Amino acid sequence: MLLLVFLLLMSRCRPCEYQTISTLSLLDSLRIGNSIYRGLMHFCCLDLAEEWENHTVKEIYLAKNYGLILYKLQNALVYSRD
């Protein structure tokens, strides 16, 4: 799923017009509310920020055995599983 999101974001881009600065991190654990999730991938989209709108997703957290557990929008709203 994360790869699909990344490919969709990159499909909006024209090659060689900017430097990619988005990141993908592997995290051991993350606490959300009363739950601790282990084995996470954190994708932080930093590319094309000048084209973002308020509802643009800029961070995604995926947990092993759970899938999407948290995402953050440009307008500072955060949606999580708990």
PDB file of N, CA and C in Angstrom:
ATOM      1  N   MET A   1       0.819  -1.187   0.000  1.00  0.00           N
ATOM      2  CA  MET A   1       0.000   0.000   0.000  1.00  0.00           C
ATOM      3  C   MET A   1       0.868   1.258   0.000  1.00  0.00           C
ATOM      4  N   LEU A   2       1.912   1.249   0.816  1.00  0.00           N
ATOM      5  CA  LEU A   2       2.789   2.413   0.872  1.00  0.00           C
ATOM      6  C   LEU A   2       3.429   2.683  -0.485  1.00  0.00           C
ATOM      7  N   LEU A   3       3.829   1.624  -1.155  1.00  0.00           N
ATOM      8  CA  LEU A   3       4.415   1.786  -2.480  1.00  0.00           C
ATOM      9  C   LEU A   3       3.404   2.396  -3.432  1.00  0.00           C
ATOM     10  N   LEU A   4       2.142   1.985  -3.339  1.00  0.00           N
ATOM     11  CA  LEU A   4       1.096   2.541  -4.189  1.00  0.00           C
ATOM     12  C   LEU A   4       0.930   4.035  -3.937  1.00  0.00           C
ATOM     13  N   VAL A   5       0.910   4.432  -2.677  1.00  0.00           N
ATOM     14  CA  VAL A   5       0.794   5.855  -2.331  1.00  0.00           C
ATOM     15  C   VAL A   5       1.973   6.638  -2.904  1.00  0.00           C
ATOM     16  N   PHE A   6       3.177   6.098  -2.725  1.00  0.00           N
ATOM     17  CA  PHE A   6       4.366   6.769  -3.242  1.00  0.00           C
ATOM     18  C   PHE A   6       4.302   6.906  -4.764  1.00  0.00           C
ATOM     19  N   LEU A   7       3.891   5.855  -5.445  1.00  0.00           N
ATOM     20  CA  LEU A   7       3.798   5.908  -6.909  1.00  0.00           C
ATOM     21  C   LEU A   7       2.743   6.910  -7.369  1.00  0.00           C
ATOM     22  N   LEU A   8       1.633   6.989  -6.641  1.00  0.00           N
ATOM     23  CA  LEU A   8       0.613   7.975  -6.993  1.00  0.00           C
ATOM     24  C   LEU A   8       1.128   9.397  -6.815  1.00  0.00           C
ATOM     25  N   LEU A   9       1.864   9.624  -5.730  1.00  0.00           N
ATOM     26  CA  LEU A   9       2.437  10.955  -5.519  1.00  0.00           C
ATOM     27  C   LEU A   9       3.446  11.303  -6.606  1.00  0.00           C
ATOM     28  N   MET A  10       4.263  10.336  -6.953  1.00  0.00           N
ATOM     29  CA  MET A  10       5.304  10.592  -7.942  1.00  0.00           C
ATOM     30  C   MET A  10       4.752  10.717  -9.355  1.00  0.00           C
ATOM     31  N   SER A  11       3.565  10.147  -9.625  1.00  0.00           N
ATOM     32  CA  SER A  11       2.996  10.236 -10.961  1.00  0.00           C
ATOM     33  C   SER A  11       2.603  11.666 -11.323  1.00  0.00           C
ATOM     34  N   ARG A  12       2.437  12.517 -10.309  1.00  0.00           N
ATOM     35  CA  ARG A  12       2.110  13.920 -10.549  1.00  0.00           C
ATOM     36  C   ARG A  12       3.334  14.743 -10.940  1.00  0.00           C
ATOM     37  N   CYS A  13       4.503  14.158 -10.797  1.00  0.00           N
ATOM     38  CA  CYS A  13       5.748  14.886 -10.991  1.00  0.00           C
ATOM     39  C   CYS A  13       6.299  14.697 -12.388  1.00  0.00           C
ATOM     40  N   ARG A  14       6.950  15.714 -12.855  1.00  0.00           N
ATOM     41  CA  ARG A  14       7.660  15.625 -14.125  1.00  0.00           C
ATOM     42  C   ARG A  14       9.123  15.326 -13.807  1.00  0.00           C
ATOM     43  N   PRO A  15       9.730  14.396 -14.513  1.00  0.00           N
ATOM     44  CA  PRO A  15      11.110  13.998 -14.194  1.00  0.00           C
ATOM     45  C   PRO A  15      12.113  15.148 -14.284  1.00  0.00           C
ATOM     46  N   CYS A  16      13.101  15.102 -13.428  1.00  0.00           N
ATOM     47  CA  CYS A  16      14.258  16.008 -13.449  1.00  0.00           C
ATOM     48  C   CYS A  16      13.930  17.459 -13.133  1.00  0.00           C
ATOM     49  N   GLU A  17      12.770  17.757 -12.593  1.00  0.00           N
ATOM     50  CA  GLU A  17      12.431  19.136 -12.286  1.00  0.00           C
ATOM     51  C   GLU A  17      12.625  19.479 -10.815  1.00  0.00           C
ATOM     52  N   TYR A  18      12.881  18.498  -9.984  1.00  0.00           N
ATOM     53  CA  TYR A  18      13.081  18.752  -8.565  1.00  0.00           C
ATOM     54  C   TYR A  18      13.873  17.606  -7.956  1.00  0.00           C
ATOM     55  N   GLN A  19      14.344  17.831  -6.764  1.00  0.00           N
ATOM     56  CA  GLN A  19      15.066  16.802  -6.035  1.00  0.00           C
ATOM     57  C   GLN A  19      14.098  16.132  -5.053  1.00  0.00           C
ATOM     58  N   THR A  20      14.090  14.816  -5.002  1.00  0.00           N
ATOM     59  CA  THR A  20      13.223  14.086  -4.091  1.00  0.00           C
ATOM     60  C   THR A  20      13.757  14.220  -2.666  1.00  0.00           C
ATOM     61  N   ILE A  21      12.891  14.677  -1.760  1.00  0.00           N
ATOM     62  CA  ILE A  21      13.304  14.848  -0.370  1.00  0.00           C
ATOM     63  C   ILE A  21      12.381  14.109   0.597  1.00  0.00           C
ATOM     64  N   SER A  22      11.413  13.352   0.084  1.00  0.00           N
ATOM     65  CA  SER A  22      10.551  12.546   0.950  1.00  0.00           C
ATOM     66  C   SER A  22      11.366  11.446   1.600  1.00  0.00           C
ATOM     67  N   THR A  23      10.863  10.960   2.739  1.00  0.00           N
ATOM     68  CA  THR A  23      11.611   9.932   3.467  1.00  0.00           C
ATOM     69  C   THR A  23      10.722   8.744   3.799  1.00  0.00           C
ATOM     70  N   LEU A  24      11.353   7.606   3.945  1.00  0.00           N
ATOM     71  CA  LEU A  24      10.704   6.390   4.413  1.00  0.00           C
ATOM     72  C   LEU A  24      11.573   5.837   5.537  1.00  0.00           C
ATOM     73  N   SER A  25      10.985   5.704   6.729  1.00  0.00           N
ATOM     74  CA  SER A  25      11.731   5.228   7.893  1.00  0.00           C
ATOM     75  C   SER A  25      11.100   3.968   8.442  1.00  0.00           C
ATOM     76  N   LEU A  26      11.925   3.095   8.979  1.00  0.00           N
ATOM     77  CA  LEU A  26      11.452   1.914   9.686  1.00  0.00           C
ATOM     78  C   LEU A  26      11.586   2.177  11.177  1.00  0.00           C
ATOM     79  N   LEU A  27      10.487   2.041  11.902  1.00  0.00           N
ATOM     80  CA  LEU A  27      10.468   2.314  13.333  1.00  0.00           C
ATOM     81  C   LEU A  27      10.204   1.027  14.104  1.00  0.00           C
ATOM     82  N   ASP A  28      10.801   0.907  15.275  1.00  0.00           N
ATOM     83  CA  ASP A  28      10.575  -0.262  16.116  1.00  0.00           C
ATOM     84  C   ASP A  28       9.170  -0.270  16.702  1.00  0.00           C
ATOM     85  N   SER A  29       8.744   0.875  17.240  1.00  0.00           N
ATOM     86  CA  SER A  29       7.426   0.930  17.867  1.00  0.00           C
ATOM     87  C   SER A  29       6.910   2.367  17.913  1.00  0.00           C
ATOM     88  N   LEU A  30       5.597   2.472  18.128  1.00  0.00           N
ATOM     89  CA  LEU A  30       4.940   3.779  18.248  1.00  0.00           C
ATOM     90  C   LEU A  30       3.727   3.602  19.142  1.00  0.00           C
ATOM     91  N   ARG A  31       3.573   4.506  20.105  1.00  0.00           N
ATOM     92  CA  ARG A  31       2.397   4.479  20.984  1.00  0.00           C
ATOM     93  C   ARG A  31       1.362   5.450  20.440  1.00  0.00           C
ATOM     94  N   ILE A  32       0.154   4.951  20.276  1.00  0.00           N
ATOM     95  CA  ILE A  32      -0.989   5.780  19.885  1.00  0.00           C
ATOM     96  C   ILE A  32      -2.096   5.489  20.878  1.00  0.00           C
ATOM     97  N   GLY A  33      -2.448   6.472  21.665  1.00  0.00           N
ATOM     98  CA  GLY A  33      -3.441   6.259  22.713  1.00  0.00           C
ATOM     99  C   GLY A  33      -2.923   5.233  23.711  1.00  0.00           C
ATOM    100  N   ASN A  34      -3.695   4.171  23.918  1.00  0.00           N
ATOM    101  CA  ASN A  34      -3.310   3.114  24.857  1.00  0.00           C
ATOM    102  C   ASN A  34      -2.664   1.927  24.164  1.00  0.00           C
ATOM    103  N   SER A  35      -2.408   2.023  22.873  1.00  0.00           N
ATOM    104  CA  SER A  35      -1.850   0.897  22.117  1.00  0.00           C
ATOM    105  C   SER A  35      -0.413   1.174  21.697  1.00  0.00           C
ATOM    106  N   ILE A  36       0.382   0.119  21.694  1.00  0.00           N
ATOM    107  CA  ILE A  36       1.748   0.194  21.185  1.00  0.00           C
ATOM    108  C   ILE A  36       1.821  -0.685  19.945  1.00  0.00           C
ATOM    109  N   TYR A  37       2.211  -0.094  18.841  1.00  0.00           N
ATOM    110  CA  TYR A  37       2.344  -0.813  17.574  1.00  0.00           C
ATOM    111  C   TYR A  37       3.824  -1.052  17.316  1.00  0.00           C
ATOM    112  N   ARG A  38       4.142  -2.234  16.813  1.00  0.00           N
ATOM    113  CA  ARG A  38       5.538  -2.598  16.544  1.00  0.00           C
ATOM    114  C   ARG A  38       5.720  -2.909  15.065  1.00  0.00           C
ATOM    115  N   GLY A  39       6.937  -2.687  14.599  1.00  0.00           N
ATOM    116  CA  GLY A  39       7.258  -2.961  13.204  1.00  0.00           C
ATOM    117  C   GLY A  39       6.553  -1.989  12.273  1.00  0.00           C
ATOM    118  N   LEU A  40       6.978  -0.737  12.274  1.00  0.00           N
ATOM    119  CA  LEU A  40       6.297   0.314  11.516  1.00  0.00           C
ATOM    120  C   LEU A  40       7.122   0.844  10.353  1.00  0.00           C
ATOM    121  N   MET A  41       6.392   1.368   9.376  1.00  0.00           N
ATOM    122  CA  MET A  41       6.991   2.158   8.300  1.00  0.00           C
ATOM    123  C   MET A  41       6.376   3.546   8.388  1.00  0.00           C
ATOM    124  N   HIS A  42       7.215   4.557   8.354  1.00  0.00           N
ATOM    125  CA  HIS A  42       6.767   5.953   8.411  1.00  0.00           C
ATOM    126  C   HIS A  42       7.186   6.628   7.114  1.00  0.00           C
ATOM    127  N   PHE A  43       6.201   7.076   6.332  1.00  0.00           N
ATOM    128  CA  PHE A  43       6.468   7.782   5.087  1.00  0.00           C
ATOM    129  C   PHE A  43       6.153   9.249   5.309  1.00  0.00           C
ATOM    130  N   CYS A  44       7.136  10.098   5.055  1.00  0.00           N
ATOM    131  CA  CYS A  44       6.972  11.540   5.207  1.00  0.00           C
ATOM    132  C   CYS A  44       7.162  12.196   3.841  1.00  0.00           C
ATOM    133  N   CYS A  45       6.078  12.724   3.305  1.00  0.00           N
ATOM    134  CA  CYS A  45       6.111  13.348   1.981  1.00  0.00           C
ATOM    135  C   CYS A  45       6.505  14.813   2.124  1.00  0.00           C
ATOM    136  N   LEU A  46       7.618  15.164   1.524  1.00  0.00           N
ATOM    137  CA  LEU A  46       8.105  16.541   1.582  1.00  0.00           C
ATOM    138  C   LEU A  46       8.193  17.170   0.192  1.00  0.00           C
ATOM    139  N   ASP A  47       7.931  16.376  -0.835  1.00  0.00           N
ATOM    140  CA  ASP A  47       8.033  16.861  -2.210  1.00  0.00           C
ATOM    141  C   ASP A  47       6.795  17.663  -2.607  1.00  0.00           C
ATOM    142  N   LEU A  48       6.979  18.604  -3.465  1.00  0.00           N
ATOM    143  CA  LEU A  48       5.903  19.412  -4.047  1.00  0.00           C
ATOM    144  C   LEU A  48       5.046  20.132  -3.006  1.00  0.00           C
ATOM    145  N   ALA A  49       5.624  20.504  -1.881  1.00  0.00           N
ATOM    146  CA  ALA A  49       4.871  21.147  -0.804  1.00  0.00           C
ATOM    147  C   ALA A  49       4.170  22.420  -1.263  1.00  0.00           C
ATOM    148  N   GLU A  50       4.733  23.094  -2.227  1.00  0.00           N
ATOM    149  CA  GLU A  50       4.106  24.333  -2.714  1.00  0.00           C
ATOM    150  C   GLU A  50       2.784  24.075  -3.437  1.00  0.00           C
ATOM    151  N   GLU A  51       2.522  22.835  -3.826  1.00  0.00           N
ATOM    152  CA  GLU A  51       1.272  22.491  -4.512  1.00  0.00           C
ATOM    153  C   GLU A  51       0.249  21.856  -3.586  1.00  0.00           C
ATOM    154  N   TRP A  52       0.582  21.671  -2.317  1.00  0.00           N
ATOM    155  CA  TRP A  52      -0.324  21.009  -1.386  1.00  0.00           C
ATOM    156  C   TRP A  52      -1.541  21.868  -1.084  1.00  0.00           C
ATOM    157  N   GLU A  53      -2.635  21.182  -0.781  1.00  0.00           N
ATOM    158  CA  GLU A  53      -3.845  21.820  -0.286  1.00  0.00           C
ATOM    159  C   GLU A  53      -4.028  21.387   1.165  1.00  0.00           C
ATOM    160  N   ASN A  54      -4.997  21.940   1.849  1.00  0.00           N
ATOM    161  CA  ASN A  54      -5.193  21.618   3.259  1.00  0.00           C
ATOM    162  C   ASN A  54      -5.434  20.142   3.519  1.00  0.00           C
ATOM    163  N   HIS A  55      -6.066  19.442   2.585  1.00  0.00           N
ATOM    164  CA  HIS A  55      -6.403  18.031   2.790  1.00  0.00           C
ATOM    165  C   HIS A  55      -5.316  17.071   2.277  1.00  0.00           C
ATOM    166  N   THR A  56      -4.178  17.578   1.886  1.00  0.00           N
ATOM    167  CA  THR A  56      -3.090  16.730   1.398  1.00  0.00           C
ATOM    168  C   THR A  56      -2.477  15.933   2.550  1.00  0.00           C
ATOM    169  N   VAL A  57      -2.345  14.624   2.349  1.00  0.00           N
ATOM    170  CA  VAL A  57      -1.712  13.756   3.345  1.00  0.00           C
ATOM    171  C   VAL A  57      -0.204  13.953   3.261  1.00  0.00           C
ATOM    172  N   LYS A  58       0.425  14.275   4.393  1.00  0.00           N
ATOM    173  CA  LYS A  58       1.866  14.507   4.358  1.00  0.00           C
ATOM    174  C   LYS A  58       2.669  13.480   5.150  1.00  0.00           C
ATOM    175  N   GLU A  59       2.014  12.712   6.035  1.00  0.00           N
ATOM    176  CA  GLU A  59       2.701  11.644   6.763  1.00  0.00           C
ATOM    177  C   GLU A  59       1.780  10.443   6.900  1.00  0.00           C
ATOM    178  N   ILE A  60       2.367   9.244   6.752  1.00  0.00           N
ATOM    179  CA  ILE A  60       1.621   7.998   6.851  1.00  0.00           C
ATOM    180  C   ILE A  60       2.411   7.035   7.735  1.00  0.00           C
ATOM    181  N   TYR A  61       1.717   6.370   8.643  1.00  0.00           N
ATOM    182  CA  TYR A  61       2.315   5.325   9.482  1.00  0.00           C
ATOM    183  C   TYR A  61       1.598   4.012   9.203  1.00  0.00           C
ATOM    184  N   LEU A  62       2.359   2.984   8.841  1.00  0.00           N
ATOM    185  CA  LEU A  62       1.827   1.647   8.610  1.00  0.00           C
ATOM    186  C   LEU A  62       2.458   0.692   9.616  1.00  0.00           C
ATOM    187  N   ALA A  63       1.632  -0.150  10.241  1.00  0.00           N
ATOM    188  CA  ALA A  63       2.135  -1.099  11.230  1.00  0.00           C
ATOM    189  C   ALA A  63       1.945  -2.527  10.730  1.00  0.00           C
ATOM    190  N   LYS A  64       2.926  -3.342  10.999  1.00  0.00           N
ATOM    191  CA  LYS A  64       2.869  -4.755  10.647  1.00  0.00           C
ATOM    192  C   LYS A  64       1.653  -5.387  11.335  1.00  0.00           C
ATOM    193  N   ASN A  65       0.903  -6.169  10.596  1.00  0.00           N
ATOM    194  CA  ASN A  65      -0.305  -6.876  11.058  1.00  0.00           C
ATOM    195  C   ASN A  65      -1.514  -5.962  11.261  1.00  0.00           C
ATOM    196  N   TYR A  66      -1.378  -4.644  11.075  1.00  0.00           N
ATOM    197  CA  TYR A  66      -2.495  -3.727  11.255  1.00  0.00           C
ATOM    198  C   TYR A  66      -2.772  -2.882  10.014  1.00  0.00           C
ATOM    199  N   GLY A  67      -1.758  -2.558   9.252  1.00  0.00           N
ATOM    200  CA  GLY A  67      -1.927  -1.670   8.110  1.00  0.00           C
ATOM    201  C   GLY A  67      -1.837  -0.217   8.535  1.00  0.00           C
ATOM    202  N   LEU A  68      -2.647   0.629   7.922  1.00  0.00           N
ATOM    203  CA  LEU A  68      -2.627   2.063   8.206  1.00  0.00           C
ATOM    204  C   LEU A  68      -3.104   2.317   9.629  1.00  0.00           C
ATOM    205  N   ILE A  69      -2.263   2.980  10.431  1.00  0.00           N
ATOM    206  CA  ILE A  69      -2.655   3.278  11.815  1.00  0.00           C
ATOM    207  C   ILE A  69      -2.742   4.771  12.091  1.00  0.00           C
ATOM    208  N   LEU A  70      -2.089   5.587  11.266  1.00  0.00           N
ATOM    209  CA  LEU A  70      -2.108   7.025  11.513  1.00  0.00           C
ATOM    210  C   LEU A  70      -1.708   7.765  10.245  1.00  0.00           C
ATOM    211  N   TYR A  71      -2.357   8.904  10.003  1.00  0.00           N
ATOM    212  CA  TYR A  71      -1.894   9.794   8.944  1.00  0.00           C
ATOM    213  C   TYR A  71      -2.145  11.238   9.348  1.00  0.00           C
ATOM    214  N   LYS A  72      -1.312  12.107   8.821  1.00  0.00           N
ATOM    215  CA  LYS A  72      -1.376  13.534   9.143  1.00  0.00           C
ATOM    216  C   LYS A  72      -1.610  14.324   7.867  1.00  0.00           C
ATOM    217  N   LEU A  73      -2.462  15.321   7.964  1.00  0.00           N
ATOM    218  CA  LEU A  73      -2.762  16.187   6.831  1.00  0.00           C
ATOM    219  C   LEU A  73      -1.976  17.490   6.923  1.00  0.00           C
ATOM    220  N   GLN A  74      -1.901  18.192   5.820  1.00  0.00           N
ATOM    221  CA  GLN A  74      -1.218  19.481   5.753  1.00  0.00           C
ATOM    222  C   GLN A  74      -1.831  20.489   6.722  1.00  0.00           C
ATOM    223  N   ASN A  75      -3.146  20.406   6.941  1.00  0.00           N
ATOM    224  CA  ASN A  75      -3.816  21.373   7.819  1.00  0.00           C
ATOM    225  C   ASN A  75      -3.697  21.023   9.296  1.00  0.00           C
ATOM    226  N   ALA A  76      -2.781  20.101   9.640  1.00  0.00           N
ATOM    227  CA  ALA A  76      -2.443  19.700  11.014  1.00  0.00           C
ATOM    228  C   ALA A  76      -3.436  18.723  11.645  1.00  0.00           C
ATOM    229  N   LEU A  77      -4.465  18.289  10.918  1.00  0.00           N
ATOM    230  CA  LEU A  77      -5.349  17.259  11.445  1.00  0.00           C
ATOM    231  C   LEU A  77      -4.632  15.922  11.428  1.00  0.00           C
ATOM    232  N   VAL A  78      -4.874  15.117  12.461  1.00  0.00           N
ATOM    233  CA  VAL A  78      -4.262  13.798  12.586  1.00  0.00           C
ATOM    234  C   VAL A  78      -5.371  12.774  12.781  1.00  0.00           C
ATOM    235  N   TYR A  79      -5.348  11.726  11.986  1.00  0.00           N
ATOM    236  CA  TYR A  79      -6.312  10.645  12.110  1.00  0.00           C
ATOM    237  C   TYR A  79      -5.569   9.390  12.499  1.00  0.00           C
ATOM    238  N   SER A  80      -6.084   8.689  13.522  1.00  0.00           N
ATOM    239  CA  SER A  80      -5.401   7.468  13.970  1.00  0.00           C
ATOM    240  C   SER A  80      -6.419   6.377  14.259  1.00  0.00           C
ATOM    241  N   ARG A  81      -5.898   5.168  14.377  1.00  0.00           N
ATOM    242  CA  ARG A  81      -6.716   3.992  14.642  1.00  0.00           C
ATOM    243  C   ARG A  81      -7.373   4.069  16.023  1.00  0.00           C
ATOM    244  N   ASP A  82      -6.696   4.597  16.999  1.00  0.00           N
ATOM    245  CA  ASP A  82      -7.258   4.682  18.368  1.00  0.00           C
ATOM    246  C   ASP A  82      -7.891   6.028  18.605  1.00  0.00           C
TER     247      ASP A  82
END
